[in-house]
């Protein structure tokens, strides 16, 4: 990030960091998409394995336990990839935060499963699958375009400016002579 001069803030410094104008790393985004897809698939598989166990296929309980370890391992990799994409790849930070929360919840979910606390284990599992799928949708959505900042001293430029709330973009355009 490049420092830019700005008015001093109370209790702060007179130099603020401006956002990096470069787009996020495509390679980092691809890695995040890949690991998040694998993670979501493992979460969905966990529900299938639990359902098969409840249907009478008792060997699926072992597969369910093994898949729990896979989910936590992939969740850890996802946190690392999401943090690297955020910090070094200039991507958004939300996937890193959500991934970290998911990892903590997944570790607790595994503990609850081994303790046979099904009253919490089942609803938490449903919540984890929903959160994993929502994160998957988020990382596969296209990123919003970066606004082009106006050049310093370019008072007439509208690049990077947003009209005030309650007004239309047309209201901020200069009037044209129709004669």
N, C-alpha and C. Protein backbone atom coordinates (compact mmCIF):
# COMPACT_ATOMS: atom_id res chain seq x y z
N UNK A 1 0.84 -1.18 0.00
CA UNK A 1 0.00 0.00 0.00
C UNK A 1 0.88 1.23 0.00
N UNK A 2 0.37 2.26 -0.63
CA UNK A 2 1.14 3.48 -0.73
C UNK A 2 0.56 4.51 0.22
N UNK A 3 1.44 5.18 1.00
CA UNK A 3 0.93 6.21 1.88
C UNK A 3 0.49 7.43 1.08
N UNK A 4 -0.55 8.08 1.54
CA UNK A 4 -1.00 9.33 0.91
C UNK A 4 -1.26 10.35 2.02
N UNK A 5 -0.97 11.59 1.71
CA UNK A 5 -1.18 12.64 2.71
C UNK A 5 -2.65 12.87 2.92
N UNK A 6 -3.02 13.08 4.13
CA UNK A 6 -4.42 13.37 4.45
C UNK A 6 -4.43 14.23 5.69
N UNK A 7 -5.56 14.82 5.96
CA UNK A 7 -5.69 15.65 7.15
C UNK A 7 -5.48 14.81 8.39
N UNK A 8 -4.88 15.42 9.39
CA UNK A 8 -4.60 14.69 10.62
C UNK A 8 -5.90 14.31 11.32
N UNK A 9 -5.94 13.11 11.82
CA UNK A 9 -7.10 12.64 12.58
C UNK A 9 -6.80 12.79 14.06
N UNK A 10 -7.81 13.05 14.88
CA UNK A 10 -7.56 13.18 16.31
C UNK A 10 -6.96 11.89 16.86
N UNK A 11 -5.83 12.01 17.49
CA UNK A 11 -5.19 10.85 18.11
C UNK A 11 -4.51 9.93 17.11
N UNK A 12 -4.42 10.35 15.85
CA UNK A 12 -3.81 9.48 14.84
C UNK A 12 -2.72 10.22 14.11
N UNK A 13 -2.20 9.59 13.08
CA UNK A 13 -1.13 10.19 12.32
C UNK A 13 -1.72 10.98 11.16
N UNK A 14 -0.88 11.81 10.53
CA UNK A 14 -1.39 12.59 9.41
C UNK A 14 -1.15 11.87 8.08
N UNK A 15 -0.70 10.63 8.11
CA UNK A 15 -0.52 9.84 6.89
C UNK A 15 -1.39 8.61 6.99
N UNK A 16 -2.20 8.41 5.96
CA UNK A 16 -3.07 7.23 5.91
C UNK A 16 -2.63 6.33 4.78
N UNK A 17 -2.94 5.05 4.91
CA UNK A 17 -2.65 4.09 3.85
C UNK A 17 -3.81 4.11 2.87
N UNK A 18 -3.49 4.21 1.58
CA UNK A 18 -4.56 4.12 0.58
C UNK A 18 -4.61 2.69 0.07
N UNK A 19 -5.79 2.23 -0.38
CA UNK A 19 -5.89 0.87 -0.86
C UNK A 19 -5.00 0.66 -2.07
N UNK A 20 -4.49 -0.55 -2.22
CA UNK A 20 -3.65 -0.90 -3.35
C UNK A 20 -4.51 -0.89 -4.61
N UNK A 21 -4.14 -0.09 -5.62
CA UNK A 21 -4.99 -0.01 -6.82
C UNK A 21 -4.92 -1.25 -7.70
N UNK A 22 -3.93 -2.12 -7.49
CA UNK A 22 -3.81 -3.31 -8.33
C UNK A 22 -4.93 -4.30 -8.00
N UNK A 23 -5.39 -5.04 -9.00
CA UNK A 23 -6.44 -6.03 -8.73
C UNK A 23 -5.90 -7.19 -7.92
N UNK A 24 -6.77 -7.94 -7.24
CA UNK A 24 -6.32 -9.10 -6.47
C UNK A 24 -5.66 -10.14 -7.37
N UNK A 25 -4.80 -10.94 -6.78
CA UNK A 25 -4.07 -11.97 -7.49
C UNK A 25 -5.00 -13.04 -8.03
N UNK A 26 -4.91 -13.30 -9.34
CA UNK A 26 -5.74 -14.34 -9.96
C UNK A 26 -5.31 -15.73 -9.48
N UNK A 27 -4.02 -15.93 -9.29
CA UNK A 27 -3.53 -17.23 -8.83
C UNK A 27 -4.02 -17.51 -7.41
N UNK A 28 -3.96 -16.49 -6.55
CA UNK A 28 -4.44 -16.66 -5.17
C UNK A 28 -5.94 -16.91 -5.13
N UNK A 29 -6.68 -16.22 -5.99
CA UNK A 29 -8.13 -16.42 -6.05
C UNK A 29 -8.45 -17.83 -6.54
N UNK A 30 -7.69 -18.30 -7.52
CA UNK A 30 -7.88 -19.67 -8.01
C UNK A 30 -7.60 -20.71 -6.94
N UNK A 31 -6.54 -20.49 -6.17
CA UNK A 31 -6.22 -21.42 -5.08
C UNK A 31 -7.31 -21.40 -4.01
N UNK A 32 -7.81 -20.22 -3.68
CA UNK A 32 -8.88 -20.12 -2.69
C UNK A 32 -10.14 -20.80 -3.20
N UNK A 33 -10.46 -20.61 -4.47
CA UNK A 33 -11.63 -21.28 -5.03
C UNK A 33 -11.49 -22.79 -4.99
N UNK A 34 -10.30 -23.29 -5.32
CA UNK A 34 -10.08 -24.74 -5.34
C UNK A 34 -10.23 -25.34 -3.94
N UNK A 35 -9.55 -24.75 -2.95
CA UNK A 35 -9.59 -25.32 -1.61
C UNK A 35 -10.98 -25.17 -0.98
N UNK A 36 -11.66 -24.08 -1.29
CA UNK A 36 -13.02 -23.89 -0.76
C UNK A 36 -13.99 -24.88 -1.38
N UNK A 37 -13.79 -25.21 -2.64
CA UNK A 37 -14.63 -26.21 -3.31
C UNK A 37 -14.42 -27.59 -2.69
N UNK A 38 -13.16 -27.96 -2.46
CA UNK A 38 -12.87 -29.25 -1.82
C UNK A 38 -13.46 -29.28 -0.42
N UNK A 39 -13.33 -28.19 0.30
CA UNK A 39 -13.85 -28.10 1.66
C UNK A 39 -15.37 -28.27 1.69
N UNK A 40 -16.06 -27.57 0.80
CA UNK A 40 -17.52 -27.67 0.74
C UNK A 40 -17.95 -29.08 0.35
N UNK A 41 -17.22 -29.71 -0.56
CA UNK A 41 -17.54 -31.08 -0.94
C UNK A 41 -17.36 -32.04 0.24
N UNK A 42 -16.31 -31.84 1.01
CA UNK A 42 -16.09 -32.69 2.19
C UNK A 42 -17.19 -32.47 3.23
N UNK A 43 -17.62 -31.23 3.40
CA UNK A 43 -18.72 -30.95 4.34
C UNK A 43 -20.01 -31.63 3.89
N UNK A 44 -20.32 -31.56 2.60
CA UNK A 44 -21.52 -32.20 2.08
C UNK A 44 -21.41 -33.72 2.21
N UNK A 45 -20.23 -34.26 1.94
CA UNK A 45 -20.01 -35.70 2.07
C UNK A 45 -20.26 -36.16 3.50
N UNK A 46 -19.92 -35.31 4.46
CA UNK A 46 -20.13 -35.66 5.87
C UNK A 46 -21.61 -35.93 6.16
N UNK A 47 -22.48 -35.12 5.59
CA UNK A 47 -23.92 -35.33 5.79
C UNK A 47 -24.37 -36.64 5.13
N UNK A 48 -23.83 -36.94 3.95
CA UNK A 48 -24.18 -38.19 3.27
C UNK A 48 -23.73 -39.39 4.10
N UNK A 49 -22.52 -39.33 4.64
CA UNK A 49 -22.02 -40.43 5.47
C UNK A 49 -22.86 -40.61 6.73
N UNK A 50 -23.26 -39.52 7.34
CA UNK A 50 -24.11 -39.60 8.54
C UNK A 50 -25.46 -40.20 8.19
N UNK A 51 -26.02 -39.80 7.07
CA UNK A 51 -27.30 -40.36 6.63
C UNK A 51 -27.22 -41.85 6.35
N UNK A 52 -26.13 -42.27 5.75
CA UNK A 52 -25.95 -43.71 5.47
C UNK A 52 -25.82 -44.49 6.78
N UNK A 53 -25.13 -43.89 7.76
CA UNK A 53 -25.01 -44.55 9.07
C UNK A 53 -26.39 -44.68 9.72
N UNK A 54 -27.16 -43.61 9.67
CA UNK A 54 -28.50 -43.64 10.28
C UNK A 54 -29.44 -44.59 9.54
N UNK A 55 -29.14 -44.89 8.29
CA UNK A 55 -29.95 -45.84 7.51
C UNK A 55 -29.58 -47.29 7.79
N UNK A 56 -28.59 -47.51 8.63
CA UNK A 56 -28.24 -48.87 9.02
C UNK A 56 -26.90 -49.35 8.51
N UNK A 57 -26.19 -48.56 7.73
CA UNK A 57 -24.86 -48.94 7.25
C UNK A 57 -23.84 -48.48 8.30
N UNK A 58 -23.63 -49.32 9.30
CA UNK A 58 -22.86 -48.91 10.48
C UNK A 58 -21.37 -48.69 10.20
N UNK A 59 -20.87 -49.21 9.09
CA UNK A 59 -19.47 -48.96 8.73
C UNK A 59 -19.25 -47.49 8.34
N UNK A 60 -20.31 -46.80 8.02
CA UNK A 60 -20.19 -45.40 7.62
C UNK A 60 -19.83 -44.49 8.79
N UNK A 61 -20.00 -44.96 10.02
CA UNK A 61 -19.60 -44.15 11.17
C UNK A 61 -18.08 -43.96 11.18
N UNK A 62 -17.36 -45.01 10.81
CA UNK A 62 -15.89 -44.89 10.72
C UNK A 62 -15.52 -43.92 9.59
N UNK A 63 -16.19 -44.04 8.46
CA UNK A 63 -15.91 -43.13 7.35
C UNK A 63 -16.26 -41.69 7.74
N UNK A 64 -17.33 -41.52 8.51
CA UNK A 64 -17.74 -40.21 9.00
C UNK A 64 -16.65 -39.60 9.90
N UNK A 65 -16.06 -40.44 10.75
CA UNK A 65 -14.99 -39.97 11.65
C UNK A 65 -13.74 -39.60 10.85
N UNK A 66 -13.39 -40.41 9.87
CA UNK A 66 -12.21 -40.11 9.03
C UNK A 66 -12.45 -38.82 8.25
N UNK A 67 -13.64 -38.68 7.70
CA UNK A 67 -13.96 -37.47 6.94
C UNK A 67 -13.93 -36.23 7.84
N UNK A 68 -14.27 -36.38 9.12
CA UNK A 68 -14.17 -35.25 10.05
C UNK A 68 -12.73 -34.75 10.14
N UNK A 69 -11.78 -35.68 10.18
CA UNK A 69 -10.37 -35.30 10.21
C UNK A 69 -9.96 -34.62 8.90
N UNK A 70 -10.50 -35.12 7.79
CA UNK A 70 -10.21 -34.51 6.49
C UNK A 70 -10.75 -33.08 6.45
N UNK A 71 -11.95 -32.90 6.96
CA UNK A 71 -12.56 -31.56 6.96
C UNK A 71 -11.72 -30.58 7.77
N UNK A 72 -11.26 -30.98 8.93
CA UNK A 72 -10.45 -30.09 9.76
C UNK A 72 -9.12 -29.78 9.07
N UNK A 73 -8.51 -30.79 8.44
CA UNK A 73 -7.24 -30.58 7.73
C UNK A 73 -7.42 -29.64 6.54
N UNK A 74 -8.46 -29.88 5.74
CA UNK A 74 -8.73 -29.01 4.60
C UNK A 74 -9.12 -27.61 5.09
N UNK A 75 -9.84 -27.53 6.20
CA UNK A 75 -10.20 -26.24 6.78
C UNK A 75 -8.97 -25.44 7.18
N UNK A 76 -7.97 -26.12 7.72
CA UNK A 76 -6.72 -25.45 8.10
C UNK A 76 -6.00 -24.93 6.86
N UNK A 77 -5.95 -25.75 5.81
CA UNK A 77 -5.33 -25.31 4.55
C UNK A 77 -6.10 -24.11 3.99
N UNK A 78 -7.42 -24.16 4.10
CA UNK A 78 -8.26 -23.06 3.59
C UNK A 78 -7.96 -21.77 4.33
N UNK A 79 -7.78 -21.84 5.64
CA UNK A 79 -7.45 -20.63 6.40
C UNK A 79 -6.12 -20.05 5.92
N UNK A 80 -5.12 -20.90 5.73
CA UNK A 80 -3.81 -20.43 5.28
C UNK A 80 -3.92 -19.79 3.90
N UNK A 81 -4.60 -20.46 2.98
CA UNK A 81 -4.75 -19.92 1.62
C UNK A 81 -5.53 -18.60 1.64
N UNK A 82 -6.59 -18.54 2.43
CA UNK A 82 -7.41 -17.33 2.49
C UNK A 82 -6.62 -16.16 3.09
N UNK A 83 -5.82 -16.43 4.11
CA UNK A 83 -5.02 -15.36 4.72
C UNK A 83 -3.94 -14.88 3.75
N UNK A 84 -3.29 -15.80 3.06
CA UNK A 84 -2.26 -15.42 2.08
C UNK A 84 -2.90 -14.62 0.95
N UNK A 85 -4.05 -15.05 0.48
CA UNK A 85 -4.75 -14.33 -0.59
C UNK A 85 -5.13 -12.92 -0.13
N UNK A 86 -5.54 -12.79 1.10
CA UNK A 86 -5.94 -11.50 1.65
C UNK A 86 -4.72 -10.59 1.85
N UNK A 87 -3.70 -11.10 2.52
CA UNK A 87 -2.56 -10.27 2.89
C UNK A 87 -1.59 -10.03 1.74
N UNK A 88 -1.26 -11.07 0.99
CA UNK A 88 -0.27 -10.92 -0.08
C UNK A 88 -0.91 -10.77 -1.45
N UNK A 89 -2.08 -11.35 -1.64
CA UNK A 89 -2.72 -11.33 -2.94
C UNK A 89 -3.70 -10.20 -3.12
N UNK A 90 -3.83 -9.32 -2.12
CA UNK A 90 -4.69 -8.13 -2.19
C UNK A 90 -6.17 -8.48 -2.34
N UNK A 91 -6.56 -9.67 -1.90
CA UNK A 91 -7.96 -10.08 -1.96
C UNK A 91 -8.74 -9.58 -0.75
N UNK A 92 -10.05 -9.82 -0.74
CA UNK A 92 -10.86 -9.41 0.41
C UNK A 92 -10.53 -10.24 1.65
N UNK A 93 -10.73 -9.67 2.81
CA UNK A 93 -10.41 -10.35 4.06
C UNK A 93 -11.53 -11.23 4.60
N UNK A 94 -12.75 -11.04 4.12
CA UNK A 94 -13.88 -11.80 4.66
C UNK A 94 -13.71 -13.32 4.53
N UNK A 95 -13.24 -13.85 3.38
CA UNK A 95 -13.06 -15.31 3.32
C UNK A 95 -12.07 -15.83 4.37
N UNK A 96 -11.06 -15.05 4.71
CA UNK A 96 -10.11 -15.48 5.73
C UNK A 96 -10.79 -15.53 7.10
N UNK A 97 -11.59 -14.53 7.41
CA UNK A 97 -12.29 -14.50 8.70
C UNK A 97 -13.31 -15.64 8.80
N UNK A 98 -14.09 -15.83 7.74
CA UNK A 98 -15.10 -16.89 7.75
C UNK A 98 -14.42 -18.26 7.82
N UNK A 99 -13.32 -18.43 7.11
CA UNK A 99 -12.59 -19.70 7.14
C UNK A 99 -12.06 -20.01 8.54
N UNK A 100 -11.56 -19.00 9.22
CA UNK A 100 -11.06 -19.20 10.58
C UNK A 100 -12.18 -19.59 11.53
N UNK A 101 -13.32 -18.93 11.41
CA UNK A 101 -14.47 -19.26 12.25
C UNK A 101 -14.95 -20.69 11.96
N UNK A 102 -15.00 -21.04 10.68
CA UNK A 102 -15.39 -22.41 10.30
C UNK A 102 -14.44 -23.44 10.90
N UNK A 103 -13.14 -23.16 10.85
CA UNK A 103 -12.17 -24.12 11.38
C UNK A 103 -12.38 -24.37 12.87
N UNK A 104 -12.60 -23.30 13.63
CA UNK A 104 -12.84 -23.45 15.07
C UNK A 104 -14.12 -24.26 15.31
N UNK A 105 -15.17 -23.93 14.56
CA UNK A 105 -16.44 -24.65 14.72
C UNK A 105 -16.31 -26.11 14.30
N UNK A 106 -15.52 -26.39 13.27
CA UNK A 106 -15.32 -27.78 12.83
C UNK A 106 -14.56 -28.60 13.85
N UNK A 107 -13.58 -27.99 14.47
CA UNK A 107 -12.83 -28.70 15.52
C UNK A 107 -13.76 -29.02 16.68
N UNK A 108 -14.58 -28.06 17.07
CA UNK A 108 -15.55 -28.30 18.14
C UNK A 108 -16.58 -29.35 17.71
N UNK A 109 -16.97 -29.32 16.46
CA UNK A 109 -17.92 -30.30 15.93
C UNK A 109 -17.37 -31.72 16.04
N UNK A 110 -16.10 -31.88 15.73
CA UNK A 110 -15.48 -33.20 15.85
C UNK A 110 -15.48 -33.68 17.30
N UNK A 111 -15.16 -32.79 18.22
CA UNK A 111 -15.17 -33.14 19.65
C UNK A 111 -16.58 -33.57 20.07
N UNK A 112 -17.57 -32.79 19.66
CA UNK A 112 -18.96 -33.11 20.01
C UNK A 112 -19.38 -34.45 19.43
N UNK A 113 -18.92 -34.75 18.23
CA UNK A 113 -19.25 -36.04 17.61
C UNK A 113 -18.65 -37.21 18.37
N UNK A 114 -17.38 -37.08 18.75
CA UNK A 114 -16.73 -38.17 19.52
C UNK A 114 -17.37 -38.33 20.89
N UNK A 115 -17.92 -37.23 21.44
CA UNK A 115 -18.60 -37.31 22.73
C UNK A 115 -20.04 -37.78 22.60
N UNK A 116 -20.50 -37.95 21.37
CA UNK A 116 -21.88 -38.38 21.08
C UNK A 116 -22.92 -37.37 21.59
N UNK A 117 -22.58 -36.09 21.54
CA UNK A 117 -23.50 -35.02 21.92
C UNK A 117 -24.33 -34.63 20.70
N UNK A 118 -25.23 -35.52 20.30
CA UNK A 118 -25.95 -35.36 19.05
C UNK A 118 -26.90 -34.17 19.04
N UNK A 119 -27.37 -33.75 20.20
CA UNK A 119 -28.28 -32.62 20.28
C UNK A 119 -27.64 -31.33 19.80
N UNK A 120 -26.33 -31.23 19.90
CA UNK A 120 -25.59 -30.06 19.41
C UNK A 120 -24.87 -30.40 18.11
N UNK A 121 -24.39 -31.65 18.01
CA UNK A 121 -23.60 -32.09 16.87
C UNK A 121 -24.38 -31.98 15.55
N UNK A 122 -25.62 -32.40 15.53
CA UNK A 122 -26.41 -32.39 14.29
C UNK A 122 -26.73 -30.96 13.84
N UNK A 123 -27.29 -30.09 14.71
CA UNK A 123 -27.57 -28.73 14.23
C UNK A 123 -26.31 -27.95 13.86
N UNK A 124 -25.22 -28.17 14.59
CA UNK A 124 -23.97 -27.50 14.23
C UNK A 124 -23.47 -28.00 12.88
N UNK A 125 -23.65 -29.29 12.61
CA UNK A 125 -23.27 -29.83 11.30
C UNK A 125 -24.04 -29.18 10.17
N UNK A 126 -25.33 -28.99 10.36
CA UNK A 126 -26.16 -28.33 9.35
C UNK A 126 -25.68 -26.89 9.15
N UNK A 127 -25.38 -26.22 10.23
CA UNK A 127 -24.89 -24.84 10.16
C UNK A 127 -23.56 -24.77 9.42
N UNK A 128 -22.67 -25.72 9.69
CA UNK A 128 -21.37 -25.74 9.03
C UNK A 128 -21.51 -25.95 7.53
N UNK A 129 -22.41 -26.85 7.14
CA UNK A 129 -22.61 -27.08 5.71
C UNK A 129 -23.16 -25.82 5.05
N UNK A 130 -24.13 -25.17 5.67
CA UNK A 130 -24.70 -23.94 5.11
C UNK A 130 -23.63 -22.85 5.00
N UNK A 131 -22.83 -22.68 6.06
CA UNK A 131 -21.78 -21.65 6.04
C UNK A 131 -20.72 -21.97 4.99
N UNK A 132 -20.36 -23.23 4.88
CA UNK A 132 -19.38 -23.63 3.86
C UNK A 132 -19.88 -23.38 2.46
N UNK A 133 -21.16 -23.64 2.21
CA UNK A 133 -21.73 -23.40 0.88
C UNK A 133 -21.85 -21.90 0.59
N UNK A 134 -22.21 -21.11 1.61
CA UNK A 134 -22.28 -19.66 1.41
C UNK A 134 -20.89 -19.09 1.10
N UNK A 135 -19.87 -19.59 1.78
CA UNK A 135 -18.51 -19.14 1.49
C UNK A 135 -18.10 -19.56 0.08
N UNK A 136 -18.48 -20.75 -0.31
CA UNK A 136 -18.18 -21.22 -1.67
C UNK A 136 -18.79 -20.29 -2.71
N UNK A 137 -20.04 -19.91 -2.51
CA UNK A 137 -20.70 -18.98 -3.43
C UNK A 137 -19.97 -17.65 -3.44
N UNK A 138 -19.57 -17.18 -2.27
CA UNK A 138 -18.89 -15.89 -2.18
C UNK A 138 -17.57 -15.89 -2.94
N UNK A 139 -16.76 -16.94 -2.80
CA UNK A 139 -15.46 -16.92 -3.47
C UNK A 139 -15.56 -17.17 -4.97
N UNK A 140 -16.67 -17.74 -5.43
CA UNK A 140 -16.85 -17.95 -6.87
C UNK A 140 -17.52 -16.78 -7.55
N UNK A 141 -18.06 -15.83 -6.79
CA UNK A 141 -18.64 -14.63 -7.41
C UNK A 141 -17.54 -13.76 -7.97
N UNK A 142 -17.83 -13.04 -9.06
CA UNK A 142 -16.82 -12.11 -9.57
C UNK A 142 -16.60 -10.97 -8.57
N UNK A 143 -15.38 -10.50 -8.51
CA UNK A 143 -15.07 -9.37 -7.64
C UNK A 143 -15.64 -8.09 -8.23
N UNK A 144 -16.07 -7.15 -7.39
CA UNK A 144 -16.53 -5.87 -7.92
C UNK A 144 -15.35 -5.12 -8.54
N UNK A 145 -15.60 -4.31 -9.56
CA UNK A 145 -14.49 -3.57 -10.18
C UNK A 145 -13.93 -2.54 -9.22
N UNK A 146 -12.64 -2.30 -9.32
CA UNK A 146 -12.00 -1.26 -8.50
C UNK A 146 -12.32 0.09 -9.11
N UNK A 147 -12.80 1.07 -8.30
CA UNK A 147 -13.05 2.40 -8.86
C UNK A 147 -11.73 3.07 -9.21
N UNK A 148 -11.73 3.84 -10.28
CA UNK A 148 -10.53 4.56 -10.69
C UNK A 148 -10.51 5.88 -9.94
N UNK A 149 -9.49 6.09 -9.09
CA UNK A 149 -9.47 7.35 -8.32
C UNK A 149 -9.17 8.53 -9.24
N UNK A 150 -9.73 9.68 -8.91
CA UNK A 150 -9.47 10.90 -9.65
C UNK A 150 -8.02 11.32 -9.41
N UNK A 151 -7.43 11.91 -10.43
CA UNK A 151 -6.05 12.37 -10.31
C UNK A 151 -6.01 13.56 -9.35
N UNK A 152 -4.90 13.72 -8.60
CA UNK A 152 -4.79 14.86 -7.69
C UNK A 152 -4.93 16.17 -8.45
N UNK A 153 -5.73 17.08 -7.94
CA UNK A 153 -5.92 18.38 -8.57
C UNK A 153 -6.92 18.37 -9.71
N UNK A 154 -7.52 17.23 -10.01
CA UNK A 154 -8.49 17.12 -11.10
C UNK A 154 -9.89 17.29 -10.53
N UNK A 155 -10.25 18.53 -10.21
CA UNK A 155 -11.52 18.79 -9.53
C UNK A 155 -12.72 18.50 -10.42
N UNK A 156 -12.56 18.56 -11.75
CA UNK A 156 -13.69 18.35 -12.63
C UNK A 156 -13.94 16.89 -12.96
N UNK A 157 -13.04 16.00 -12.57
CA UNK A 157 -13.19 14.59 -12.93
C UNK A 157 -14.24 13.92 -12.05
N UNK A 158 -15.01 13.04 -12.65
CA UNK A 158 -15.99 12.27 -11.88
C UNK A 158 -15.51 10.84 -11.67
N UNK A 159 -14.28 10.53 -12.13
CA UNK A 159 -13.76 9.17 -11.99
C UNK A 159 -13.61 8.83 -10.52
N UNK A 160 -14.16 7.73 -10.11
CA UNK A 160 -14.04 7.27 -8.74
C UNK A 160 -14.99 7.94 -7.78
N UNK A 161 -15.80 8.90 -8.25
CA UNK A 161 -16.73 9.60 -7.36
C UNK A 161 -18.08 8.90 -7.40
N UNK A 162 -18.76 8.91 -6.30
CA UNK A 162 -20.08 8.31 -6.18
C UNK A 162 -21.07 9.42 -5.87
N UNK A 163 -22.21 9.43 -6.58
CA UNK A 163 -23.19 10.48 -6.27
C UNK A 163 -23.70 10.36 -4.85
N UNK A 164 -24.12 11.47 -4.24
CA UNK A 164 -24.63 11.42 -2.87
C UNK A 164 -25.85 10.51 -2.77
N UNK A 165 -26.09 9.93 -1.59
CA UNK A 165 -27.25 9.07 -1.42
C UNK A 165 -28.54 9.81 -1.76
N UNK A 166 -29.45 9.10 -2.40
CA UNK A 166 -30.74 9.67 -2.74
C UNK A 166 -30.75 10.40 -4.06
N UNK A 167 -29.59 10.47 -4.74
CA UNK A 167 -29.56 11.10 -6.05
C UNK A 167 -29.23 10.05 -7.09
N UNK A 168 -29.59 10.32 -8.31
CA UNK A 168 -29.29 9.38 -9.39
C UNK A 168 -27.96 9.77 -10.01
N UNK A 169 -27.30 8.83 -10.69
CA UNK A 169 -26.04 9.17 -11.36
C UNK A 169 -26.23 10.27 -12.40
N UNK A 170 -27.43 10.35 -13.02
CA UNK A 170 -27.68 11.38 -14.01
C UNK A 170 -27.66 12.77 -13.37
N UNK A 171 -28.07 12.88 -12.11
CA UNK A 171 -28.10 14.18 -11.43
C UNK A 171 -26.71 14.75 -11.23
N UNK A 172 -25.69 13.89 -11.20
CA UNK A 172 -24.33 14.37 -10.98
C UNK A 172 -23.63 14.73 -12.26
N UNK A 173 -24.25 14.47 -13.43
CA UNK A 173 -23.65 14.82 -14.70
C UNK A 173 -23.93 16.29 -15.03
N UNK A 174 -22.98 16.94 -15.75
CA UNK A 174 -23.24 18.33 -16.14
C UNK A 174 -24.39 18.40 -17.14
N UNK A 175 -25.13 19.51 -17.09
CA UNK A 175 -26.27 19.70 -18.00
C UNK A 175 -25.75 19.89 -19.41
N UNK A 176 -26.48 19.34 -20.39
CA UNK A 176 -26.09 19.48 -21.79
C UNK A 176 -27.04 20.44 -22.48
N UNK A 177 -26.50 21.21 -23.38
CA UNK A 177 -27.31 22.14 -24.15
C UNK A 177 -27.99 21.36 -25.26
N UNK A 178 -29.32 21.44 -25.33
CA UNK A 178 -30.10 20.64 -26.26
C UNK A 178 -30.54 21.48 -27.47
N UNK A 179 -30.10 22.71 -27.62
CA UNK A 179 -30.58 23.58 -28.70
C UNK A 179 -30.16 23.18 -30.04
